[in-house]
């Protein structure tokens, strides 16, 4: 490839988003030392509306649309996102150019009272706005009260302390990237809370016709992580889900094989469908579609219809 001189990178302005963008820039400069990278912060709709649960304001690119518009307009060359923020359906003029090495995708409990999950008292109050987390936690502990909580990681931690909540549930990756792991009191196993699609992964989005940038990003792309999130996103697309629907998925690549788990739950956690499938890595996206179809055939489709009818 010819020597690239400069790339303009777009990102949200939160501490976590900027950490992720700097990580991408560092990785690119490691393999292309002469490359200059300018980071441009862009405010998204999700950053502006902080007093309403995500499930109530829609999820079509809440944290990505404005950045994608800048990318489509040619004002930036690449966009860095938390993979789980990307809608299942993207503008066909855009593509994922790289996925960095994936962090542990599990959710964690933070409790300023020191509770582990199994130690939470009857009727304890946990903060999270994720319907996926709420449904799965209620399935295990229907006595717990779930309080809607928005904002960045630091804001949610502050709200937990100010409102004296018993705990909050966050993604390990975000907590770790901000150096706040000392506040974690428990890891939530995947048989308790299956992660969100793409959780723990950093996505680098580019214009589909930008071959030069794509070639550069190939140098930092983690193929296993790319295959994992590709399968999970295929599962999400088939179900046409997002933050308004309690859907979880976790794909793991081991050698030439990929193992995929998928979950659909009712909002109250009383109905939960979970299944898994394995096969060759190169068939990951097709296997994920098959997994989604199996869950729908088992009865999960009725849950999706109910939730969509409720939101209309």
C-alpha atoms as a PDB file:
ATOM      1  CA  UNK A   1       0.000   0.000   0.000  1.00  0.00           C
ATOM      2  CA  UNK A   2       1.136   3.539  -0.631  1.00  0.00           C
ATOM      3  CA  UNK A   3       2.160   5.604   2.362  1.00  0.00           C
ATOM      4  CA  UNK A   4      -0.798   7.259   4.058  1.00  0.00           C
ATOM      5  CA  UNK A   5      -0.189  10.711   5.488  1.00  0.00           C
ATOM      6  CA  UNK A   6      -3.232  11.578   7.562  1.00  0.00           C
ATOM      7  CA  UNK A   7      -6.558  10.214   8.753  1.00  0.00           C
ATOM      8  CA  UNK A   8      -9.406  12.095  10.439  1.00  0.00           C
ATOM      9  CA  UNK A   9     -11.114  10.026  13.125  1.00  0.00           C
ATOM     10  CA  UNK A  10     -14.609  10.736  14.491  1.00  0.00           C
ATOM     11  CA  UNK A  11     -15.855   9.733  17.927  1.00  0.00           C
ATOM     12  CA  UNK A  12     -18.202  10.616  20.747  1.00  0.00           C
ATOM     13  CA  UNK A  13     -16.714  12.837  23.427  1.00  0.00           C
ATOM     14  CA  UNK A  14     -17.075  10.682  26.543  1.00  0.00           C
ATOM     15  CA  UNK A  15     -13.965   9.528  28.396  1.00  0.00           C
ATOM     16  CA  UNK A  16     -14.612   5.961  27.293  1.00  0.00           C
ATOM     17  CA  UNK A  17     -15.159   6.900  23.643  1.00  0.00           C
ATOM     18  CA  UNK A  18     -11.983   8.994  23.626  1.00  0.00           C
ATOM     19  CA  UNK A  19     -10.028   6.155  25.275  1.00  0.00           C
ATOM     20  CA  UNK A  20     -11.217   3.790  22.543  1.00  0.00           C
ATOM     21  CA  UNK A  21     -10.354   6.287  19.802  1.00  0.00           C
ATOM     22  CA  UNK A  22      -6.878   6.860  21.186  1.00  0.00           C
ATOM     23  CA  UNK A  23      -6.409   3.088  21.316  1.00  0.00           C
ATOM     24  CA  UNK A  24      -7.290   2.804  17.621  1.00  0.00           C
ATOM     25  CA  UNK A  25      -4.945   5.689  16.804  1.00  0.00           C
ATOM     26  CA  UNK A  26      -2.127   4.070  18.786  1.00  0.00           C
ATOM     27  CA  UNK A  27      -2.617   0.745  17.020  1.00  0.00           C
ATOM     28  CA  UNK A  28      -2.565   2.405  13.599  1.00  0.00           C
ATOM     29  CA  UNK A  29       0.537   4.426  14.422  1.00  0.00           C
ATOM     30  CA  UNK A  30       2.229   1.273  15.709  1.00  0.00           C
ATOM     31  CA  UNK A  31       1.969  -0.308  12.257  1.00  0.00           C
ATOM     32  CA  UNK A  32       2.186   2.963  10.286  1.00  0.00           C
ATOM     33  CA  UNK A  33       4.532   5.222  12.310  1.00  0.00           C
ATOM     34  CA  UNK A  34       4.433   8.131   9.840  1.00  0.00           C
ATOM     35  CA  UNK A  35       0.648   8.342   9.911  1.00  0.00           C
ATOM     36  CA  UNK A  36      -0.934  11.465  11.407  1.00  0.00           C
ATOM     37  CA  UNK A  37      -4.349  11.039  13.060  1.00  0.00           C
ATOM     38  CA  UNK A  38      -6.651  13.874  14.088  1.00  0.00           C
ATOM     39  CA  UNK A  39      -9.486  13.038  16.496  1.00  0.00           C
ATOM     40  CA  UNK A  40     -12.765  14.939  16.092  1.00  0.00           C
ATOM     41  CA  UNK A  41     -15.459  14.698  18.784  1.00  0.00           C
ATOM     42  CA  UNK A  42     -19.079  14.611  17.625  1.00  0.00           C
ATOM     43  CA  UNK A  43     -22.150  14.843  19.867  1.00  0.00           C
ATOM     44  CA  UNK A  44     -24.861  12.270  19.141  1.00  0.00           C
ATOM     45  CA  UNK A  45     -28.555  12.199  19.999  1.00  0.00           C
ATOM     46  CA  UNK A  46     -27.859   9.632  22.721  1.00  0.00           C
ATOM     47  CA  UNK A  47     -25.436  12.092  24.338  1.00  0.00           C
ATOM     48  CA  UNK A  48     -28.041  14.857  24.354  1.00  0.00           C
ATOM     49  CA  UNK A  49     -31.021  12.930  25.787  1.00  0.00           C
ATOM     50  CA  UNK A  50     -29.944  11.685  29.200  1.00  0.00           C
ATOM     51  CA  UNK A  51     -33.149  11.721  31.228  1.00  0.00           C
ATOM     52  CA  UNK A  52     -35.072   9.086  29.249  1.00  0.00           C
ATOM     53  CA  UNK A  53     -34.436   5.319  29.076  1.00  0.00           C
ATOM     54  CA  UNK A  54     -32.949   4.207  25.760  1.00  0.00           C
ATOM     55  CA  UNK A  55     -35.803   1.763  25.249  1.00  0.00           C
ATOM     56  CA  UNK A  56     -38.261   4.692  25.206  1.00  0.00           C
ATOM     57  CA  UNK A  57     -36.513   6.896  22.663  1.00  0.00           C
ATOM     58  CA  UNK A  58     -35.676   4.330  19.992  1.00  0.00           C
ATOM     59  CA  UNK A  59     -32.352   2.828  19.060  1.00  0.00           C
ATOM     60  CA  UNK A  60     -31.702   3.533  15.393  1.00  0.00           C
ATOM     61  CA  UNK A  61     -28.193   4.843  15.741  1.00  0.00           C
ATOM     62  CA  UNK A  62     -28.705   6.880  18.905  1.00  0.00           C
ATOM     63  CA  UNK A  63     -24.965   6.915  19.549  1.00  0.00           C
ATOM     64  CA  UNK A  64     -23.739   6.628  15.970  1.00  0.00           C
ATOM     65  CA  UNK A  65     -25.924   8.441  13.412  1.00  0.00           C
ATOM     66  CA  UNK A  66     -24.321  11.883  13.609  1.00  0.00           C
ATOM     67  CA  UNK A  67     -20.850  10.329  13.403  1.00  0.00           C
ATOM     68  CA  UNK A  68     -21.899   8.205  10.434  1.00  0.00           C
ATOM     69  CA  UNK A  69     -23.220  11.317   8.677  1.00  0.00           C
ATOM     70  CA  UNK A  70     -19.804  12.961   9.059  1.00  0.00           C
ATOM     71  CA  UNK A  71     -18.210   9.828   7.618  1.00  0.00           C
ATOM     72  CA  UNK A  72     -20.596   9.720   4.656  1.00  0.00           C
ATOM     73  CA  UNK A  73     -19.972  13.408   3.987  1.00  0.00           C
ATOM     74  CA  UNK A  74     -16.215  12.819   3.874  1.00  0.00           C
ATOM     75  CA  UNK A  75     -15.497  15.074   6.854  1.00  0.00           C
ATOM     76  CA  UNK A  76     -13.835  12.150   8.639  1.00  0.00           C
ATOM     77  CA  UNK A  77     -12.124   9.026   7.294  1.00  0.00           C
ATOM     78  CA  UNK A  78     -13.024   6.585  10.021  1.00  0.00           C
ATOM     79  CA  UNK A  79     -15.358   6.383  12.997  1.00  0.00           C
ATOM     80  CA  UNK A  80     -14.710   4.563  16.263  1.00  0.00           C
ATOM     81  CA  UNK A  81     -17.668   3.078  18.130  1.00  0.00           C
ATOM     82  CA  UNK A  82     -18.410   0.667  20.916  1.00  0.00           C
ATOM     83  CA  UNK A  83     -19.540  -2.240  18.749  1.00  0.00           C
ATOM     84  CA  UNK A  84     -22.694  -2.737  20.807  1.00  0.00           C
ATOM     85  CA  UNK A  85     -23.825   0.811  19.891  1.00  0.00           C
ATOM     86  CA  UNK A  86     -23.905   0.025  16.167  1.00  0.00           C
ATOM     87  CA  UNK A  87     -27.386  -0.854  14.849  1.00  0.00           C
ATOM     88  CA  UNK A  88     -27.669  -4.261  13.209  1.00  0.00           C
ATOM     89  CA  UNK A  89     -28.458  -2.605   9.879  1.00  0.00           C
ATOM     90  CA  UNK A  90     -25.895  -0.094   8.595  1.00  0.00           C
ATOM     91  CA  UNK A  91     -26.012   2.264   5.642  1.00  0.00           C
ATOM     92  CA  UNK A  92     -24.755   0.130   2.706  1.00  0.00           C
ATOM     93  CA  UNK A  93     -22.212   2.853   1.908  1.00  0.00           C
ATOM     94  CA  UNK A  94     -20.500   2.085   5.234  1.00  0.00           C
ATOM     95  CA  UNK A  95     -18.723  -1.000   6.532  1.00  0.00           C
ATOM     96  CA  UNK A  96     -16.757  -2.218   9.546  1.00  0.00           C
ATOM     97  CA  UNK A  97     -13.120  -1.916   8.534  1.00  0.00           C
ATOM     98  CA  UNK A  98     -11.635  -3.417  11.688  1.00  0.00           C
ATOM     99  CA  UNK A  99     -12.436  -4.868  15.080  1.00  0.00           C
ATOM    100  CA  UNK A 100      -9.764  -4.558  17.754  1.00  0.00           C
ATOM    101  CA  UNK A 101      -8.879  -7.364  20.149  1.00  0.00           C
ATOM    102  CA  UNK A 102     -11.978  -7.958  22.235  1.00  0.00           C
ATOM    103  CA  UNK A 103     -12.158  -7.430  25.978  1.00  0.00           C
ATOM    104  CA  UNK A 104     -14.039  -9.820  28.248  1.00  0.00           C
ATOM    105  CA  UNK A 105     -17.680  -9.141  27.218  1.00  0.00           C
ATOM    106  CA  UNK A 106     -19.274 -10.045  30.545  1.00  0.00           C
ATOM    107  CA  UNK A 107     -21.334  -7.696  32.668  1.00  0.00           C
ATOM    108  CA  UNK A 108     -20.235  -6.840  36.196  1.00  0.00           C
ATOM    109  CA  UNK A 109     -21.830  -5.670  39.422  1.00  0.00           C
ATOM    110  CA  UNK A 110     -20.553  -2.554  41.146  1.00  0.00           C
ATOM    111  CA  UNK A 111     -21.790  -2.052  44.698  1.00  0.00           C
ATOM    112  CA  UNK A 112     -20.539   0.667  47.026  1.00  0.00           C
ATOM    113  CA  UNK A 113     -22.015  -1.509  49.776  1.00  0.00           C
ATOM    114  CA  UNK A 114     -19.735  -4.379  48.783  1.00  0.00           C
ATOM    115  CA  UNK A 115     -22.447  -6.833  47.696  1.00  0.00           C
ATOM    116  CA  UNK A 116     -21.804  -9.761  45.395  1.00  0.00           C
ATOM    117  CA  UNK A 117     -24.824 -10.744  43.304  1.00  0.00           C
ATOM    118  CA  UNK A 118     -25.769 -13.728  45.457  1.00  0.00           C
ATOM    119  CA  UNK A 119     -25.498 -11.529  48.577  1.00  0.00           C
ATOM    120  CA  UNK A 120     -27.999  -8.888  47.425  1.00  0.00           C
ATOM    121  CA  UNK A 121     -30.745  -8.619  50.055  1.00  0.00           C
ATOM    122  CA  UNK A 122     -34.425  -9.186  49.313  1.00  0.00           C
ATOM    123  CA  UNK A 123     -35.809  -6.213  47.372  1.00  0.00           C
ATOM    124  CA  UNK A 124     -32.390  -4.698  46.671  1.00  0.00           C
ATOM    125  CA  UNK A 125     -32.290  -1.858  44.133  1.00  0.00           C
ATOM    126  CA  UNK A 126     -30.031  -2.161  41.091  1.00  0.00           C
ATOM    127  CA  UNK A 127     -29.457   0.539  38.500  1.00  0.00           C
ATOM    128  CA  UNK A 128     -29.452  -0.168  34.747  1.00  0.00           C
ATOM    129  CA  UNK A 129     -31.444   0.971  31.725  1.00  0.00           C
ATOM    130  CA  UNK A 130     -30.676  -2.171  29.699  1.00  0.00           C
ATOM    131  CA  UNK A 131     -33.787  -4.265  29.055  1.00  0.00           C
ATOM    132  CA  UNK A 132     -31.468  -7.202  28.326  1.00  0.00           C
ATOM    133  CA  UNK A 133     -29.933  -6.974  31.793  1.00  0.00           C
ATOM    134  CA  UNK A 134     -33.249  -6.282  33.524  1.00  0.00           C
ATOM    135  CA  UNK A 135     -35.033  -9.269  31.954  1.00  0.00           C
ATOM    136  CA  UNK A 136     -32.266 -11.758  32.727  1.00  0.00           C
ATOM    137  CA  UNK A 137     -31.707 -10.535  36.278  1.00  0.00           C
ATOM    138  CA  UNK A 138     -35.463 -10.588  36.979  1.00  0.00           C
ATOM    139  CA  UNK A 139     -35.575 -14.154  35.653  1.00  0.00           C
ATOM    140  CA  UNK A 140     -33.137 -15.159  38.399  1.00  0.00           C
ATOM    141  CA  UNK A 141     -34.169 -12.687  41.107  1.00  0.00           C
ATOM    142  CA  UNK A 142     -37.737 -11.382  40.571  1.00  0.00           C
ATOM    143  CA  UNK A 143     -37.606  -9.695  43.974  1.00  0.00           C
ATOM    144  CA  UNK A 144     -34.984  -7.161  42.881  1.00  0.00           C
ATOM    145  CA  UNK A 145     -36.058  -3.636  41.961  1.00  0.00           C
ATOM    146  CA  UNK A 146     -34.487  -2.336  38.757  1.00  0.00           C
ATOM    147  CA  UNK A 147     -34.022   1.426  38.512  1.00  0.00           C
ATOM    148  CA  UNK A 148     -33.521   3.113  35.130  1.00  0.00           C
ATOM    149  CA  UNK A 149     -30.074   4.688  35.033  1.00  0.00           C
ATOM    150  CA  UNK A 150     -28.519   6.617  32.130  1.00  0.00           C
ATOM    151  CA  UNK A 151     -25.239   8.426  31.599  1.00  0.00           C
ATOM    152  CA  UNK A 152     -21.601   7.516  31.152  1.00  0.00           C
ATOM    153  CA  UNK A 153     -19.782   5.107  33.464  1.00  0.00           C
ATOM    154  CA  UNK A 154     -18.638   7.771  35.915  1.00  0.00           C
ATOM    155  CA  UNK A 155     -22.096   9.365  36.034  1.00  0.00           C
ATOM    156  CA  UNK A 156     -23.765   6.048  36.837  1.00  0.00           C
ATOM    157  CA  UNK A 157     -21.270   5.312  39.598  1.00  0.00           C
ATOM    158  CA  UNK A 158     -21.933   8.760  41.073  1.00  0.00           C
ATOM    159  CA  UNK A 159     -25.718   8.204  40.893  1.00  0.00           C
ATOM    160  CA  UNK A 160     -25.340   4.853  42.658  1.00  0.00           C
ATOM    161  CA  UNK A 161     -23.578   6.570  45.537  1.00  0.00           C
ATOM    162  CA  UNK A 162     -25.837   9.639  45.694  1.00  0.00           C
ATOM    163  CA  UNK A 163     -29.061   7.616  45.501  1.00  0.00           C
ATOM    164  CA  UNK A 164     -27.666   4.916  47.813  1.00  0.00           C
ATOM    165  CA  UNK A 165     -28.499   2.110  45.373  1.00  0.00           C
ATOM    166  CA  UNK A 166     -27.444  -1.397  46.279  1.00  0.00           C
ATOM    167  CA  UNK A 167     -25.529  -1.685  43.032  1.00  0.00           C
ATOM    168  CA  UNK A 168     -25.341  -0.994  39.303  1.00  0.00           C
ATOM    169  CA  UNK A 169     -24.659  -3.329  36.382  1.00  0.00           C
ATOM    170  CA  UNK A 170     -22.135  -2.287  33.730  1.00  0.00           C
ATOM    171  CA  UNK A 171     -19.982  -3.918  31.055  1.00  0.00           C
ATOM    172  CA  UNK A 172     -16.568  -5.065  32.296  1.00  0.00           C
ATOM    173  CA  UNK A 173     -14.891  -3.601  29.217  1.00  0.00           C
ATOM    174  CA  UNK A 174     -15.947  -0.011  29.880  1.00  0.00           C
ATOM    175  CA  UNK A 175     -15.064  -0.201  33.554  1.00  0.00           C
ATOM    176  CA  UNK A 176     -11.670  -1.732  32.792  1.00  0.00           C
ATOM    177  CA  UNK A 177     -10.788   0.770  30.072  1.00  0.00           C
ATOM    178  CA  UNK A 178     -11.393   3.606  32.507  1.00  0.00           C
ATOM    179  CA  UNK A 179      -9.256   2.000  35.198  1.00  0.00           C
ATOM    180  CA  UNK A 180     -12.147   1.516  37.611  1.00  0.00           C
ATOM    181  CA  UNK A 181     -11.974  -2.243  38.167  1.00  0.00           C
ATOM    182  CA  UNK A 182     -11.359  -1.766  41.906  1.00  0.00           C
ATOM    183  CA  UNK A 183     -15.055  -0.841  42.192  1.00  0.00           C
ATOM    184  CA  UNK A 184     -16.243  -4.189  40.775  1.00  0.00           C
ATOM    185  CA  UNK A 185     -17.689  -6.504  43.404  1.00  0.00           C
ATOM    186  CA  UNK A 186     -18.793  -9.380  41.147  1.00  0.00           C
ATOM    187  CA  UNK A 187     -18.638 -10.753  37.617  1.00  0.00           C
ATOM    188  CA  UNK A 188     -22.014 -11.865  36.265  1.00  0.00           C
ATOM    189  CA  UNK A 189     -21.582 -15.225  34.502  1.00  0.00           C
ATOM    190  CA  UNK A 190     -23.025 -15.623  31.037  1.00  0.00           C
ATOM    191  CA  UNK A 191     -25.564 -18.182  32.244  1.00  0.00           C
ATOM    192  CA  UNK A 192     -26.948 -15.384  34.436  1.00  0.00           C
ATOM    193  CA  UNK A 193     -26.639 -12.442  32.036  1.00  0.00           C
ATOM    194  CA  UNK A 194     -25.719 -13.120  28.426  1.00  0.00           C
ATOM    195  CA  UNK A 195     -23.859 -10.074  27.037  1.00  0.00           C
ATOM    196  CA  UNK A 196     -25.136  -7.625  24.453  1.00  0.00           C
ATOM    197  CA  UNK A 197     -24.266  -8.151  20.803  1.00  0.00           C
ATOM    198  CA  UNK A 198     -20.739  -6.866  20.234  1.00  0.00           C
ATOM    199  CA  UNK A 199     -20.091  -6.079  23.897  1.00  0.00           C
ATOM    200  CA  UNK A 200     -16.411  -5.628  24.695  1.00  0.00           C
ATOM    201  CA  UNK A 201     -15.432  -4.929  21.081  1.00  0.00           C
ATOM    202  CA  UNK A 202     -14.276  -1.676  19.468  1.00  0.00           C
ATOM    203  CA  UNK A 203     -15.507  -1.136  15.908  1.00  0.00           C
ATOM    204  CA  UNK A 204     -13.748   0.999  13.308  1.00  0.00           C
ATOM    205  CA  UNK A 205     -16.235   2.068  10.660  1.00  0.00           C
ATOM    206  CA  UNK A 206     -15.277   3.385   7.216  1.00  0.00           C
ATOM    207  CA  UNK A 207     -16.808   4.158   3.848  1.00  0.00           C
ATOM    208  CA  UNK A 208     -17.268   0.920   1.921  1.00  0.00           C
ATOM    209  CA  UNK A 209     -15.452   2.277  -1.132  1.00  0.00           C
ATOM    210  CA  UNK A 210     -12.406   3.563   0.802  1.00  0.00           C
ATOM    211  CA  UNK A 211      -9.936   0.849  -0.159  1.00  0.00           C
ATOM    212  CA  UNK A 212      -6.874   2.702   1.121  1.00  0.00           C
ATOM    213  CA  UNK A 213      -8.211   3.074   4.660  1.00  0.00           C
ATOM    214  CA  UNK A 214      -9.529  -0.480   4.613  1.00  0.00           C
ATOM    215  CA  UNK A 215      -6.055  -1.759   3.683  1.00  0.00           C
ATOM    216  CA  UNK A 216      -4.527   0.168   6.575  1.00  0.00           C
ATOM    217  CA  UNK A 217      -7.126  -1.160   9.015  1.00  0.00           C
ATOM    218  CA  UNK A 218      -6.468  -4.740   7.932  1.00  0.00           C
ATOM    219  CA  UNK A 219      -3.156  -4.372   9.748  1.00  0.00           C
ATOM    220  CA  UNK A 220      -4.878  -3.960  13.130  1.00  0.00           C
ATOM    221  CA  UNK A 221      -7.960  -6.106  12.588  1.00  0.00           C
ATOM    222  CA  UNK A 222      -8.465  -9.021  15.005  1.00  0.00           C
ATOM    223  CA  UNK A 223      -9.906 -11.725  12.753  1.00  0.00           C
ATOM    224  CA  UNK A 224     -11.345 -13.831  15.573  1.00  0.00           C
ATOM    225  CA  UNK A 225     -13.094 -10.843  17.170  1.00  0.00           C
ATOM    226  CA  UNK A 226     -14.355  -9.739  13.745  1.00  0.00           C
ATOM    227  CA  UNK A 227     -15.856 -13.198  13.165  1.00  0.00           C
ATOM    228  CA  UNK A 228     -17.421 -13.274  16.636  1.00  0.00           C
ATOM    229  CA  UNK A 229     -19.163  -9.919  16.365  1.00  0.00           C
ATOM    230  CA  UNK A 230     -20.110 -10.635  12.752  1.00  0.00           C
ATOM    231  CA  UNK A 231     -22.051 -13.694  13.898  1.00  0.00           C
ATOM    232  CA  UNK A 232     -23.643 -11.851  16.832  1.00  0.00           C
ATOM    233  CA  UNK A 233     -24.721  -8.975  14.590  1.00  0.00           C
ATOM    234  CA  UNK A 234     -26.192 -11.449  12.109  1.00  0.00           C
ATOM    235  CA  UNK A 235     -28.272 -12.889  14.971  1.00  0.00           C
ATOM    236  CA  UNK A 236     -29.427  -9.362  15.874  1.00  0.00           C
ATOM    237  CA  UNK A 237     -30.322  -8.455  12.278  1.00  0.00           C
ATOM    238  CA  UNK A 238     -32.419 -11.586  11.841  1.00  0.00           C
ATOM    239  CA  UNK A 239     -34.427 -10.668  14.944  1.00  0.00           C
ATOM    240  CA  UNK A 240     -34.523  -6.961  13.992  1.00  0.00           C
ATOM    241  CA  UNK A 241     -33.633  -6.206  17.576  1.00  0.00           C
ATOM    242  CA  UNK A 242     -31.968  -3.397  19.466  1.00  0.00           C
ATOM    243  CA  UNK A 243     -32.065  -1.795  22.884  1.00  0.00           C
ATOM    244  CA  UNK A 244     -35.878  -1.948  22.857  1.00  0.00           C
ATOM    245  CA  UNK A 245     -35.775  -5.759  22.954  1.00  0.00           C
ATOM    246  CA  UNK A 246     -34.079  -8.028  25.551  1.00  0.00           C
ATOM    247  CA  UNK A 247     -31.680  -9.851  23.209  1.00  0.00           C
ATOM    248  CA  UNK A 248     -28.262 -11.240  24.089  1.00  0.00           C
ATOM    249  CA  UNK A 249     -25.678 -13.124  22.070  1.00  0.00           C
ATOM    250  CA  UNK A 250     -22.150 -14.393  22.570  1.00  0.00           C
ATOM    251  CA  UNK A 251     -19.966 -15.987  19.915  1.00  0.00           C
ATOM    252  CA  UNK A 252     -16.572 -17.536  20.670  1.00  0.00           C
ATOM    253  CA  UNK A 253     -14.011 -18.547  18.051  1.00  0.00           C
ATOM    254  CA  UNK A 254     -11.764 -21.488  18.916  1.00  0.00           C
ATOM    255  CA  UNK A 255      -9.468 -22.526  16.122  1.00  0.00           C
ATOM    256  CA  UNK A 256     -11.556 -23.192  13.028  1.00  0.00           C
ATOM    257  CA  UNK A 257     -14.843 -23.427  14.966  1.00  0.00           C
ATOM    258  CA  UNK A 258     -17.293 -20.850  16.269  1.00  0.00           C
ATOM    259  CA  UNK A 259     -19.752 -21.407  19.118  1.00  0.00           C
ATOM    260  CA  UNK A 260     -22.749 -19.054  19.332  1.00  0.00           C
ATOM    261  CA  UNK A 261     -25.299 -18.577  22.115  1.00  0.00           C
ATOM    262  CA  UNK A 262     -28.417 -16.510  21.627  1.00  0.00           C
ATOM    263  CA  UNK A 263     -31.160 -15.324  23.971  1.00  0.00           C
ATOM    264  CA  UNK A 264     -34.544 -13.613  23.751  1.00  0.00           C
ATOM    265  CA  UNK A 265     -36.457 -12.749  26.928  1.00  0.00           C
ATOM    266  CA  UNK A 266     -39.738 -11.134  27.859  1.00  0.00           C
ATOM    267  CA  UNK A 267     -39.488  -7.716  29.492  1.00  0.00           C
ATOM    268  CA  UNK A 268     -40.355  -9.112  32.933  1.00  0.00           C
ATOM    269  CA  UNK A 269     -38.019 -12.095  32.634  1.00  0.00           C
ATOM    270  CA  UNK A 270     -40.804 -14.666  33.071  1.00  0.00           C
ATOM    271  CA  UNK A 271     -40.168 -16.120  29.595  1.00  0.00           C
ATOM    272  CA  UNK A 272     -36.656 -16.737  28.390  1.00  0.00           C
ATOM    273  CA  UNK A 273     -35.479 -18.586  25.299  1.00  0.00           C
ATOM    274  CA  UNK A 274     -31.797 -19.492  25.042  1.00  0.00           C
ATOM    275  CA  UNK A 275     -30.033 -21.837  22.656  1.00  0.00           C
ATOM    276  CA  UNK A 276     -26.599 -22.425  21.150  1.00  0.00           C
ATOM    277  CA  UNK A 277     -25.037 -23.676  17.936  1.00  0.00           C
ATOM    278  CA  UNK A 278     -21.531 -24.496  16.669  1.00  0.00           C
ATOM    279  CA  UNK A 279     -19.842 -24.888  13.311  1.00  0.00           C
ATOM    280  CA  UNK A 280     -17.066 -23.635  11.021  1.00  0.00           C
ATOM    281  CA  UNK A 281     -15.962 -20.034  11.554  1.00  0.00           C
ATOM    282  CA  UNK A 282     -16.574 -19.130   7.929  1.00  0.00           C
ATOM    283  CA  UNK A 283     -20.243 -20.083   8.374  1.00  0.00           C
ATOM    284  CA  UNK A 284     -20.681 -18.001  11.546  1.00  0.00           C
ATOM    285  CA  UNK A 285     -23.210 -15.534  10.168  1.00  0.00           C
ATOM    286  CA  UNK A 286     -25.325 -18.277   8.582  1.00  0.00           C
ATOM    287  CA  UNK A 287     -25.242 -20.287  11.817  1.00  0.00           C
ATOM    288  CA  UNK A 288     -26.376 -17.219  13.760  1.00  0.00           C
ATOM    289  CA  UNK A 289     -29.374 -16.820  11.448  1.00  0.00           C
ATOM    290  CA  UNK A 290     -30.211 -20.497  11.957  1.00  0.00           C
ATOM    291  CA  UNK A 291     -29.986 -19.985  15.712  1.00  0.00           C
ATOM    292  CA  UNK A 292     -32.350 -17.000  15.553  1.00  0.00           C
ATOM    293  CA  UNK A 293     -34.816 -18.970  13.435  1.00  0.00           C
ATOM    294  CA  UNK A 294     -34.761 -21.836  15.947  1.00  0.00           C
ATOM    295  CA  UNK A 295     -35.576 -19.459  18.810  1.00  0.00           C
ATOM    296  CA  UNK A 296     -38.406 -17.899  16.829  1.00  0.00           C
ATOM    297  CA  UNK A 297     -39.819 -21.348  16.074  1.00  0.00           C
ATOM    298  CA  UNK A 298     -39.733 -22.238  19.779  1.00  0.00           C
ATOM    299  CA  UNK A 299     -42.019 -19.293  20.582  1.00  0.00           C
ATOM    300  CA  UNK A 300     -39.678 -16.332  21.006  1.00  0.00           C
ATOM    301  CA  UNK A 301     -41.355 -14.622  18.059  1.00  0.00           C
ATOM    302  CA  UNK A 302     -44.413 -13.989  20.230  1.00  0.00           C
ATOM    303  CA  UNK A 303     -42.242 -12.029  22.682  1.00  0.00           C
ATOM    304  CA  UNK A 304     -40.866  -9.842  19.900  1.00  0.00           C
ATOM    305  CA  UNK A 305     -44.373  -9.198  18.537  1.00  0.00           C
ATOM    306  CA  UNK A 306     -45.621  -8.203  21.998  1.00  0.00           C
ATOM    307  CA  UNK A 307     -42.719  -5.813  22.626  1.00  0.00           C
ATOM    308  CA  UNK A 308     -42.998  -4.183  19.203  1.00  0.00           C
ATOM    309  CA  UNK A 309     -46.733  -3.809  19.640  1.00  0.00           C
ATOM    310  CA  UNK A 310     -46.147  -2.179  23.030  1.00  0.00           C
ATOM    311  CA  UNK A 311     -43.631   0.285  21.538  1.00  0.00           C
ATOM    312  CA  UNK A 312     -45.845   1.301  18.621  1.00  0.00           C
END
